[in-house]
Amino acid sequence: IEYGPSGFSPGTGTTVMVTGTSFTIEGLDENTMYDVYIQADCGGGDLSALIGPYEFMTGFINPPTVCTYTLLLEDSFGDGWNGASLDVTINGITTNYTFFTGNQASFSFDVLDGLPLVLEYFSGVFENEVTYTLFNSDGNPIFSDGPFPQTGVVYDELAVCPDCPAPSASSITATFIGVDSAVIDWDPLPSAEQYQLEWAPAGFPLGFGLTSIVDGPPASLSGLNPCVNYDVYVYAICGEDSLSAPAGPLTFQTQPESVGDPCTYTIEMFDSFGDGWNNANITVTINGVSTVYTFTTGFEATFNLNVFANLPMIFTYNPGVFENEVSFNIIDPDGNVIYSDGPFPQTGQILSIVACPTCSGPLSFDVTDVNATSASFVWSAATDPGSYTLEYGPLGFTLGTGTVLNPTGTSATITGLSEGSYYDVYLSFLCDDGEKAKTLGPITIHTIWLNDVGVSGLISPTLADCNLGSEETISIQLENFGQNPQSLVPFFYAVNGVPAN
């Protein structure tokens, strides 16, 4: 019997003479591929041909943690990958993945914590259609490519299996959504002792939201503000100092503070050729719920949009082909054309209004400047007579608990803020007849630091210059990122990682 590492040349391995038909090889390395050859010795120097190799892999003395990664393959045309494929090598064992029809295919496989995971991409035809994404065991994307993916070895990293797995992001739901509350649910995990929820208005930076610790799903959120989009993340707590990665966000919108009488808006769509809109459409979002409107044949189509007064409406145009044929009108309940475009309509969000407002407040609200201790805002003038209220507070605060300003014009500056802090700012308008317009916001701001200086660039030498001599001069650019003027700025540097001052 001759054995050695996988691929060894016979005659260079370890040889053992045995007399029976079985033998146990000892002293092998764990998690290692070996080849074994067998040859009969008939005596007198008469040897049989080599039989083999027989290949095997040894196990682990202390097996690593196993978790499941997912590979999502996508094709924009819907006819599979047309000869393209991915080799996935886990701990030296390679599996090829592809698909032959449809828009996508998903494959799950087990990886070993701390051991290599290698992806190698092989191209096919129609590379413009091909994309793929690798997701870790928490369901978070960790690598993606395409269209026109890079070929060859594209990913070579150690797999990571978390000590505390995160909840499934796809299982997070929001129900019983009210004006100021919602119930959040998700699939529980056997490894979780408790869960942490983090939430704030949509787009907030992780680590700065409001948090609560709960024993399990479901969990209630309270103190929310009306008609605001919120993001919520769920973490698993598996023990002391054992917190999972965040799962989410789930985005939902709270209900409006008041809903008025119903009214009807109209969309008139036209196609000059008479074959419909050729994949173009208008998406109308009413209070966070979106509906797509289009038509596929003929010269024109009309859609009536029934909506309650005081709800926000957003119109978005999505182009198709033959944009030269497309035009449309958006008509309010009084029969007035409030928006018209085409041919070649503007794409993206085209109109944002409050439906049939009983109190016509500002339609726009923007931040113009943010410093360490102050921030300035501007808004459009209301068409009805009334008064403005600016309310601000820490990220995620509940309206009615913040600090209030009552500006008389269409701009205001908030002072007395803390440096390096997040704030939410809302603008409300009260008509003189007592009706309240839709509250705008929040605008989330992050104040800068009073003193904040850093290196922002390398002036000389260029990055292409190497092997600098002792007389060379290195020039850098310093920049003041803070509010206060700076002078005589101390700085430090290192040469080849060794501090020089």
Protein backbone atom coordinates (compact mmCIF):
# COMPACT_ATOMS: atom_id res chain seq x y z
CA ILE A 1 0.00 0.00 0.00
CA GLU A 2 1.35 3.45 -0.95
CA TYR A 3 -0.38 6.62 0.17
CA GLY A 4 0.24 10.34 0.19
CA PRO A 5 -1.37 13.74 -0.36
CA SER A 6 -3.83 13.94 -3.23
CA GLY A 7 -2.02 14.02 -6.57
CA PHE A 8 1.30 12.59 -5.35
CA SER A 9 3.41 10.59 -7.82
CA PRO A 10 3.64 6.82 -7.09
CA GLY A 11 7.05 6.05 -5.73
CA THR A 12 7.21 9.24 -3.67
CA GLY A 13 4.56 8.36 -1.08
CA THR A 14 4.61 6.35 2.13
CA THR A 15 4.73 2.57 1.54
CA VAL A 16 3.40 -0.09 3.90
CA MET A 17 3.69 -3.88 3.40
CA VAL A 18 0.65 -5.83 4.60
CA THR A 19 -0.31 -9.50 4.42
CA GLY A 20 -4.10 -9.31 4.70
CA THR A 21 -6.89 -7.65 2.77
CA SER A 22 -7.44 -4.70 5.08
CA PHE A 23 -5.28 -2.11 6.79
CA THR A 24 -5.76 1.01 8.90
CA ILE A 25 -3.60 4.00 8.04
CA GLU A 26 -2.83 6.14 11.05
CA GLY A 27 -1.08 9.45 11.66
CA LEU A 28 -2.96 11.31 8.93
CA ASP A 29 -3.74 15.03 9.02
CA GLU A 30 -7.31 16.16 9.59
CA ASN A 31 -9.36 17.65 6.75
CA THR A 32 -6.85 16.51 4.11
CA MET A 33 -7.27 14.75 0.75
CA TYR A 34 -5.21 11.57 0.29
CA ASP A 35 -4.57 9.12 -2.56
CA VAL A 36 -4.01 5.39 -1.96
CA TYR A 37 -2.54 2.82 -4.39
CA ILE A 38 -2.46 -0.97 -3.93
CA GLN A 39 -0.03 -3.35 -5.60
CA ALA A 40 0.29 -7.12 -5.15
CA ASP A 41 3.78 -8.51 -4.38
CA CYS A 42 3.93 -12.07 -5.73
CA GLY A 43 7.52 -12.62 -4.54
CA GLY A 44 10.76 -12.78 -6.41
CA GLY A 45 10.35 -9.21 -7.50
CA ASP A 46 7.15 -9.98 -9.37
CA LEU A 47 4.74 -7.04 -8.80
CA SER A 48 1.25 -6.48 -10.15
CA ALA A 49 0.10 -3.30 -11.80
CA LEU A 50 -0.82 -0.42 -9.48
CA ILE A 51 -4.50 -0.17 -8.63
CA GLY A 52 -5.72 3.32 -7.81
CA PRO A 53 -5.72 5.96 -6.80
CA TYR A 54 -8.51 5.69 -4.28
CA GLU A 55 -9.14 9.23 -3.02
CA PHE A 56 -10.54 10.13 0.37
CA MET A 57 -10.67 13.06 2.76
CA THR A 58 -10.08 12.82 6.47
CA GLY A 59 -12.55 14.36 8.85
CA PHE A 60 -12.14 16.97 11.57
CA ILE A 61 -10.94 16.40 15.10
CA ASN A 62 -13.13 19.33 16.17
CA PRO A 63 -15.62 19.93 13.34
CA PRO A 64 -16.24 23.61 12.46
CA THR A 65 -19.66 25.18 12.59
CA VAL A 66 -21.78 24.56 9.50
CA CYS A 67 -24.22 27.13 8.08
CA THR A 68 -26.09 27.63 4.83
CA TYR A 69 -25.21 30.13 2.10
CA THR A 70 -27.46 30.84 -0.90
CA LEU A 71 -26.57 31.58 -4.52
CA LEU A 72 -29.15 33.42 -6.63
CA LEU A 73 -28.64 33.20 -10.41
CA GLU A 74 -30.67 35.60 -12.57
CA ASP A 75 -31.27 36.07 -16.30
CA SER A 76 -33.01 39.24 -17.49
CA PHE A 77 -34.34 37.67 -20.72
CA GLY A 78 -35.79 34.58 -19.08
CA ASP A 79 -34.04 31.81 -21.02
CA GLY A 80 -31.53 30.65 -18.42
CA TRP A 81 -27.81 31.21 -18.47
CA ASN A 82 -27.06 30.08 -22.04
CA GLY A 83 -23.92 28.11 -21.20
CA ALA A 84 -22.65 30.28 -18.34
CA SER A 85 -22.02 28.62 -14.97
CA LEU A 86 -20.44 29.05 -11.55
CA ASP A 87 -18.11 26.61 -9.80
CA VAL A 88 -18.48 26.76 -6.02
CA THR A 89 -15.59 25.17 -4.15
CA ILE A 90 -16.08 24.49 -0.45
CA ASN A 91 -13.15 23.04 1.43
CA GLY A 92 -11.69 21.67 -1.82
CA ILE A 93 -14.91 20.11 -3.13
CA THR A 94 -16.32 21.74 -6.28
CA THR A 95 -19.95 21.88 -7.44
CA ASN A 96 -21.10 23.50 -10.67
CA TYR A 97 -24.27 25.64 -10.74
CA THR A 98 -26.28 26.92 -13.70
CA PHE A 99 -29.87 26.91 -14.99
CA PHE A 100 -31.40 26.41 -18.40
CA THR A 101 -34.75 28.21 -18.48
CA GLY A 102 -36.59 31.00 -16.69
CA ASN A 103 -35.51 34.23 -15.04
CA GLN A 104 -33.80 32.91 -11.94
CA ALA A 105 -32.69 29.91 -9.91
CA SER A 106 -31.69 29.70 -6.25
CA PHE A 107 -29.26 27.17 -4.77
CA SER A 108 -28.43 26.64 -1.09
CA PHE A 109 -25.33 24.86 0.18
CA ASP A 110 -23.55 24.28 3.47
CA VAL A 111 -20.27 26.06 4.20
CA LEU A 112 -17.72 25.49 6.95
CA ASP A 113 -16.90 28.33 9.31
CA GLY A 114 -13.35 29.61 8.81
CA LEU A 115 -12.61 27.49 5.71
CA PRO A 116 -12.27 28.71 2.11
CA LEU A 117 -15.20 29.40 -0.16
CA VAL A 118 -14.24 29.98 -3.81
CA LEU A 119 -16.44 31.09 -6.72
CA GLU A 120 -15.23 30.73 -10.31
CA TYR A 121 -17.35 32.11 -13.15
CA PHE A 122 -17.45 30.65 -16.68
CA SER A 123 -19.05 32.78 -19.39
CA GLY A 124 -21.66 31.72 -21.92
CA VAL A 125 -23.50 33.78 -24.51
CA PHE A 126 -25.70 36.83 -23.91
CA GLU A 127 -23.59 37.93 -20.96
CA ASN A 128 -25.61 41.15 -20.86
CA GLU A 129 -28.47 39.12 -19.34
CA VAL A 130 -26.51 37.44 -16.56
CA THR A 131 -26.27 38.49 -12.89
CA TYR A 132 -25.78 36.59 -9.66
CA THR A 133 -25.64 37.24 -5.91
CA LEU A 134 -24.12 35.28 -3.02
CA PHE A 135 -25.96 35.56 0.32
CA ASN A 136 -24.52 34.60 3.70
CA SER A 137 -26.37 32.56 6.30
CA ASP A 138 -28.09 35.68 7.63
CA GLY A 139 -29.56 36.34 4.18
CA ASN A 140 -27.36 39.38 3.53
CA PRO A 141 -25.71 39.81 0.10
CA ILE A 142 -21.93 39.52 0.34
CA PHE A 143 -20.95 39.37 -3.35
CA SER A 144 -22.65 40.06 -6.66
CA ASP A 145 -21.69 40.58 -10.29
CA GLY A 146 -23.24 41.22 -13.68
CA PRO A 147 -24.37 41.99 -16.20
CA PHE A 148 -21.18 41.02 -18.09
CA PRO A 149 -19.72 39.24 -15.03
CA GLN A 150 -15.98 38.93 -14.59
CA THR A 151 -14.67 35.49 -15.54
CA GLY A 152 -12.30 33.26 -13.58
CA VAL A 153 -11.97 33.17 -9.80
CA VAL A 154 -14.11 36.07 -8.61
CA TYR A 155 -14.48 35.29 -4.90
CA ASP A 156 -12.01 33.60 -2.54
CA GLU A 157 -12.79 34.22 1.11
CA LEU A 158 -13.21 32.32 4.35
CA ALA A 159 -16.80 31.38 5.10
CA VAL A 160 -18.23 32.88 8.26
CA CYS A 161 -20.95 31.21 10.32
CA PRO A 162 -22.21 33.56 13.03
CA ASP A 163 -22.30 32.38 16.64
CA CYS A 164 -25.69 34.05 16.84
CA PRO A 165 -27.71 33.72 13.60
CA ALA A 166 -29.95 36.59 12.57
CA PRO A 167 -33.70 36.18 12.07
CA SER A 168 -34.91 35.74 8.51
CA ALA A 169 -35.40 39.19 6.99
CA SER A 170 -38.12 37.85 4.68
CA SER A 171 -40.16 36.71 7.69
CA ILE A 172 -40.47 40.21 9.20
CA THR A 173 -43.95 41.70 8.80
CA ALA A 174 -45.87 44.72 10.07
CA THR A 175 -49.56 44.38 10.92
CA PHE A 176 -52.19 46.38 12.78
CA ILE A 177 -50.54 49.55 11.48
CA GLY A 178 -52.20 52.58 13.03
CA VAL A 179 -51.61 56.29 13.29
CA ASP A 180 -48.97 55.91 16.00
CA SER A 181 -48.34 52.17 16.39
CA ALA A 182 -47.66 48.88 14.59
CA VAL A 183 -47.16 45.21 15.46
CA ILE A 184 -43.95 43.59 14.19
CA ASP A 185 -43.74 39.81 13.72
CA TRP A 186 -40.99 37.43 12.54
CA ASP A 187 -40.02 33.76 12.64
CA PRO A 188 -38.44 32.83 16.01
CA LEU A 189 -35.03 31.13 16.26
CA PRO A 190 -34.14 28.22 18.58
CA SER A 191 -30.80 29.87 19.42
CA ALA A 192 -32.31 33.21 20.45
CA GLU A 193 -32.96 33.99 24.11
CA GLN A 194 -34.40 37.43 23.35
CA TYR A 195 -34.66 39.88 20.47
CA GLN A 196 -33.75 43.53 19.96
CA LEU A 197 -35.80 45.78 17.70
CA GLU A 198 -34.38 48.99 16.24
CA TRP A 199 -36.55 51.47 14.37
CA ALA A 200 -36.75 55.08 13.21
CA PRO A 201 -37.91 57.01 10.13
CA ALA A 202 -36.86 55.27 6.90
CA GLY A 203 -33.20 55.55 5.96
CA PHE A 204 -31.88 56.02 9.49
CA PRO A 205 -28.29 54.86 10.21
CA LEU A 206 -28.05 51.60 12.14
CA GLY A 207 -27.02 52.06 15.73
CA PHE A 208 -28.81 55.39 16.12
CA GLY A 209 -32.46 54.30 16.09
CA LEU A 210 -34.87 53.63 18.94
CA THR A 211 -34.48 50.17 20.49
CA SER A 212 -36.39 47.75 22.65
CA ILE A 213 -35.67 44.25 24.02
CA VAL A 214 -38.47 41.67 23.75
CA ASP A 215 -38.75 37.99 24.63
CA GLY A 216 -40.10 36.97 21.25
CA PRO A 217 -42.45 37.79 18.41
CA PRO A 218 -44.74 39.58 18.02
CA ALA A 219 -43.70 42.98 19.37
CA SER A 220 -45.56 46.30 19.43
CA LEU A 221 -44.08 49.64 18.44
CA SER A 222 -45.68 52.77 19.86
CA GLY A 223 -45.00 56.49 19.84
CA LEU A 224 -44.83 56.58 16.04
CA ASN A 225 -45.85 59.61 14.01
CA PRO A 226 -48.73 59.68 11.48
CA CYS A 227 -48.14 59.11 7.78
CA VAL A 228 -44.40 58.48 8.18
CA ASN A 229 -42.31 55.73 6.58
CA TYR A 230 -40.41 53.71 9.18
CA ASP A 231 -37.62 51.14 8.91
CA VAL A 232 -37.43 48.37 11.51
CA TYR A 233 -34.63 45.84 12.08
CA VAL A 234 -34.69 42.72 14.25
CA TYR A 235 -31.63 41.30 16.04
CA ALA A 236 -31.38 37.97 17.86
CA ILE A 237 -29.82 37.92 21.34
CA CYS A 238 -28.25 34.49 21.92
CA GLY A 239 -26.69 35.21 25.30
CA GLU A 240 -24.58 37.76 27.12
CA ASP A 241 -22.60 39.86 24.62
CA SER A 242 -23.98 37.73 21.76
CA LEU A 243 -25.96 39.85 19.33
CA SER A 244 -26.73 38.80 15.75
CA ALA A 245 -26.39 40.92 12.65
CA PRO A 246 -29.50 43.01 11.93
CA ALA A 247 -32.27 41.49 9.83
CA GLY A 248 -34.14 43.97 7.66
CA PRO A 249 -35.11 46.62 7.13
CA LEU A 250 -38.82 46.16 6.86
CA THR A 251 -40.32 49.46 5.71
CA PHE A 252 -43.91 50.40 6.49
CA GLN A 253 -45.98 53.59 6.63
CA THR A 254 -48.21 54.63 9.49
CA GLN A 255 -51.77 55.72 8.82
CA PRO A 256 -52.59 59.41 8.25
CA GLU A 257 -53.82 61.45 11.18
CA SER A 258 -57.16 62.19 9.55
CA VAL A 259 -58.86 60.99 6.38
CA GLY A 260 -61.28 63.29 4.62
CA ASP A 261 -64.07 62.73 2.12
CA PRO A 262 -63.45 60.68 -1.06
CA CYS A 263 -62.56 62.37 -4.33
CA THR A 264 -61.46 61.23 -7.79
CA TYR A 265 -58.37 62.00 -9.87
CA THR A 266 -58.07 60.93 -13.52
CA ILE A 267 -55.17 59.79 -15.70
CA GLU A 268 -55.60 60.11 -19.49
CA MET A 269 -53.07 58.06 -21.47
CA PHE A 270 -52.44 58.47 -25.22
CA ASP A 271 -50.42 56.52 -27.79
CA SER A 272 -50.04 58.11 -31.23
CA PHE A 273 -49.34 54.80 -33.03
CA GLY A 274 -52.25 52.92 -31.50
CA ASP A 275 -50.44 49.93 -29.99
CA GLY A 276 -50.61 50.87 -26.33
CA TRP A 277 -47.75 52.05 -24.17
CA ASN A 278 -45.19 49.32 -25.00
CA ASN A 279 -44.22 48.59 -21.36
CA ALA A 280 -44.34 52.21 -20.21
CA ASN A 281 -46.48 52.86 -17.15
CA ILE A 282 -47.39 55.32 -14.41
CA THR A 283 -47.10 54.14 -10.81
CA VAL A 284 -49.39 55.94 -8.37
CA THR A 285 -48.55 55.63 -4.67
CA ILE A 286 -51.35 56.63 -2.30
CA ASN A 287 -50.42 56.65 1.37
CA GLY A 288 -47.61 54.16 0.70
CA VAL A 289 -49.63 51.71 -1.45
CA SER A 290 -48.57 51.58 -5.12
CA THR A 291 -50.69 50.73 -8.20
CA VAL A 292 -49.38 50.49 -11.77
CA TYR A 293 -51.41 51.94 -14.66
CA THR A 294 -50.79 51.24 -18.36
CA PHE A 295 -52.55 49.93 -21.47
CA THR A 296 -51.42 47.42 -24.09
CA THR A 297 -53.48 48.19 -27.20
CA GLY A 298 -55.29 51.08 -28.84
CA PHE A 299 -54.80 54.83 -28.95
CA GLU A 300 -55.91 55.89 -25.47
CA ALA A 301 -57.05 54.77 -22.03
CA THR A 302 -58.58 56.53 -19.03
CA PHE A 303 -58.19 55.56 -15.37
CA ASN A 304 -60.10 56.99 -12.40
CA LEU A 305 -58.25 57.10 -9.07
CA ASN A 306 -60.54 57.14 -6.04
CA VAL A 307 -58.77 58.54 -3.00
CA PHE A 308 -59.64 60.04 0.37
CA ALA A 309 -58.86 63.69 0.99
CA ASN A 310 -55.60 64.65 2.71
CA LEU A 311 -53.74 61.47 1.69
CA PRO A 312 -50.34 61.86 -0.02
CA MET A 313 -50.19 60.91 -3.71
CA ILE A 314 -46.97 60.31 -5.67
CA PHE A 315 -46.94 59.82 -9.46
CA THR A 316 -43.94 58.10 -11.09
CA TYR A 317 -43.43 57.61 -14.84
CA ASN A 318 -41.55 54.48 -15.95
CA PRO A 319 -40.49 54.45 -19.63
CA GLY A 320 -40.93 51.67 -22.17
CA VAL A 321 -40.04 51.67 -25.86
CA PHE A 322 -41.26 54.10 -28.55
CA GLU A 323 -41.33 57.01 -26.10
CA ASN A 324 -42.07 59.29 -29.05
CA GLU A 325 -45.63 57.88 -29.09
CA VAL A 326 -46.45 58.42 -25.41
CA SER A 327 -48.27 61.33 -23.74
CA PHE A 328 -50.63 61.74 -20.78
CA ASN A 329 -52.65 64.12 -18.58
CA ILE A 330 -53.32 64.03 -14.84
CA ILE A 331 -56.62 65.71 -13.93
CA ASP A 332 -57.82 66.81 -10.48
CA PRO A 333 -61.39 66.33 -9.14
CA ASP A 334 -62.39 69.78 -10.46
CA GLY A 335 -61.42 68.83 -14.02
CA ASN A 336 -58.18 70.84 -14.08
CA VAL A 337 -55.12 69.37 -15.80
CA ILE A 338 -52.50 69.53 -13.05
CA TYR A 339 -49.76 67.70 -15.00
CA SER A 340 -49.20 66.93 -18.68
CA ASP A 341 -46.22 65.48 -20.54
CA GLY A 342 -45.13 63.73 -23.73
CA PRO A 343 -43.96 62.72 -26.16
CA PHE A 344 -40.71 61.62 -24.51
CA PRO A 345 -42.09 62.18 -20.98
CA GLN A 346 -39.84 62.95 -18.04
CA THR A 347 -39.00 59.74 -16.16
CA GLY A 348 -39.00 59.06 -12.44
CA GLN A 349 -41.13 60.85 -9.87
CA ILE A 350 -43.12 63.50 -11.71
CA LEU A 351 -45.71 64.74 -9.22
CA SER A 352 -46.23 64.70 -5.45
CA ILE A 353 -49.45 66.13 -4.02
CA VAL A 354 -51.89 65.87 -1.14
CA ALA A 355 -55.24 64.64 -2.43
CA CYS A 356 -58.14 67.10 -2.20
CA PRO A 357 -56.65 68.96 0.76
CA THR A 358 -59.11 70.56 3.16
CA CYS A 359 -56.21 72.77 4.28
CA SER A 360 -53.63 73.60 1.63
CA GLY A 361 -50.29 73.75 3.41
CA PRO A 362 -46.74 73.74 2.05
CA LEU A 363 -45.92 71.14 -0.61
CA SER A 364 -42.12 71.19 -0.20
CA PHE A 365 -39.81 71.20 2.81
CA ASP A 366 -36.00 71.15 2.55
CA VAL A 367 -32.85 71.59 4.61
CA THR A 368 -30.43 74.21 3.29
CA ASP A 369 -27.55 74.14 5.79
CA VAL A 370 -26.36 71.99 8.70
CA ASN A 371 -23.64 73.04 11.12
CA ALA A 372 -22.50 71.74 14.50
CA THR A 373 -25.06 73.66 16.56
CA SER A 374 -27.59 74.90 14.01
CA ALA A 375 -29.53 73.94 10.89
CA SER A 376 -31.54 75.98 8.38
CA PHE A 377 -34.72 74.99 6.55
CA VAL A 378 -36.93 76.39 3.80
CA TRP A 379 -40.40 75.46 2.51
CA SER A 380 -42.94 76.53 -0.06
CA ALA A 381 -45.62 78.99 0.96
CA ALA A 382 -49.05 77.65 1.84
CA THR A 383 -51.89 78.75 -0.41
CA ASP A 384 -54.36 79.05 2.48
CA PRO A 385 -53.91 81.56 5.33
CA GLY A 386 -52.59 80.04 8.54
CA SER A 387 -49.52 79.47 10.71
CA TYR A 388 -46.41 77.29 10.49
CA THR A 389 -44.92 75.10 13.23
CA LEU A 390 -41.44 73.60 13.14
CA GLU A 391 -40.91 70.77 15.64
CA TYR A 392 -37.61 68.96 16.17
CA GLY A 393 -36.14 66.39 18.50
CA PRO A 394 -33.82 63.35 18.67
CA LEU A 395 -34.01 60.79 15.87
CA GLY A 396 -37.33 58.93 16.10
CA PHE A 397 -38.98 61.29 18.62
CA THR A 398 -42.78 61.41 18.94
CA LEU A 399 -44.53 64.54 17.70
CA GLY A 400 -45.75 66.58 20.64
CA THR A 401 -42.64 65.84 22.71
CA GLY A 402 -40.14 67.89 20.67
CA THR A 403 -39.02 71.50 20.68
CA VAL A 404 -41.34 73.85 18.79
CA LEU A 405 -40.67 76.99 16.74
CA ASN A 406 -43.38 79.19 15.19
CA PRO A 407 -41.78 80.94 12.20
CA THR A 408 -43.75 83.61 10.38
CA GLY A 409 -42.14 83.17 6.96
CA THR A 410 -41.05 80.27 4.76
CA SER A 411 -37.65 79.65 6.35
CA ALA A 412 -36.19 79.14 9.80
CA THR A 413 -32.92 78.32 11.53
CA ILE A 414 -32.80 75.99 14.53
CA THR A 415 -30.07 76.81 17.04
CA GLY A 416 -28.74 75.24 20.21
CA LEU A 417 -28.24 71.77 18.70
CA SER A 418 -25.61 69.32 19.96
CA GLU A 419 -22.65 68.59 17.71
CA GLY A 420 -22.33 65.17 16.08
CA SER A 421 -25.99 64.29 16.73
CA TYR A 422 -29.01 63.10 14.74
CA TYR A 423 -32.28 65.03 14.74
CA ASP A 424 -35.70 64.69 13.10
CA VAL A 425 -37.47 67.86 11.97
CA TYR A 426 -41.17 68.19 11.01
CA LEU A 427 -43.13 71.08 9.49
CA SER A 428 -46.87 71.44 10.17
CA PHE A 429 -49.39 74.05 9.05
CA LEU A 430 -52.66 75.07 10.72
CA CYS A 431 -55.22 76.92 8.60
CA ASP A 432 -57.02 79.87 10.12
CA ASP A 433 -60.30 77.92 10.02
CA GLY A 434 -58.83 75.28 12.36
CA GLU A 435 -58.14 72.64 9.69
CA LYS A 436 -54.67 71.08 9.75
CA ALA A 437 -52.60 70.39 6.62
CA LYS A 438 -50.54 67.24 6.17
CA THR A 439 -47.40 67.38 8.31
CA LEU A 440 -44.22 67.31 6.21
CA GLY A 441 -41.13 65.38 7.24
CA PRO A 442 -39.29 64.15 8.99
CA ILE A 443 -36.09 65.53 7.58
CA THR A 444 -33.30 63.70 9.40
CA ILE A 445 -30.11 65.71 9.89
CA HIS A 446 -26.73 64.93 11.42
CA THR A 447 -24.91 67.90 12.90
CA ILE A 448 -21.19 68.16 12.22
CA TRP A 449 -18.46 68.53 14.87
CA LEU A 450 -17.21 71.88 16.09
CA ASN A 451 -13.59 70.79 15.63
CA ASP A 452 -12.91 68.23 12.91
CA VAL A 453 -9.77 68.34 10.78
CA GLY A 454 -8.48 65.50 8.62
CA VAL A 455 -6.24 64.54 5.71
CA SER A 456 -8.26 64.77 2.50
CA GLY A 457 -5.62 64.16 -0.17
CA LEU A 458 -2.06 63.36 -1.20
CA ILE A 459 -0.50 66.15 -3.27
CA SER A 460 2.94 64.62 -3.87
CA PRO A 461 4.42 62.21 -4.66
CA THR A 462 1.95 60.47 -6.95
CA LEU A 463 0.78 56.99 -6.09
CA ALA A 464 2.94 55.66 -8.95
CA ASP A 465 6.18 56.84 -7.30
CA CYS A 466 8.08 54.26 -5.24
CA ASN A 467 11.46 53.98 -3.50
CA LEU A 468 11.56 57.59 -2.34
CA GLY A 469 14.90 58.98 -1.25
CA SER A 470 15.65 60.68 2.05
CA GLU A 471 15.43 64.12 0.42
CA GLU A 472 11.97 63.61 -1.06
CA THR A 473 9.13 65.81 0.16
CA ILE A 474 5.68 64.42 0.86
CA SER A 475 2.85 66.95 0.61
CA ILE A 476 -0.66 66.34 1.92
CA GLN A 477 -3.88 68.32 1.93
CA LEU A 478 -5.62 69.06 5.22
CA GLU A 479 -9.30 69.94 5.29
CA ASN A 480 -11.51 71.46 7.96
CA PHE A 481 -14.68 69.35 8.18
CA GLY A 482 -15.91 71.08 11.34
CA GLN A 483 -17.61 74.36 12.13
CA ASN A 484 -14.84 76.26 13.90
CA PRO A 485 -11.94 77.87 12.00
CA GLN A 486 -8.62 76.06 12.56
CA SER A 487 -4.97 77.09 12.63
CA LEU A 488 -1.65 75.52 13.70
CA VAL A 489 -3.06 72.03 13.21
CA PRO A 490 -0.88 69.22 14.66
CA PHE A 491 -0.59 66.09 12.53
CA PHE A 492 1.16 62.75 12.78
CA TYR A 493 2.57 60.34 10.24
CA ALA A 494 4.20 56.94 9.93
CA VAL A 495 6.73 55.46 7.50
CA ASN A 496 6.08 51.84 6.53
CA GLY A 497 3.75 51.58 9.50
CA VAL A 498 6.28 52.94 12.00
CA PRO A 499 5.24 56.21 13.73
CA ALA A 500 7.71 58.96 12.83
CA ASN A 501 6.55 61.68 15.22
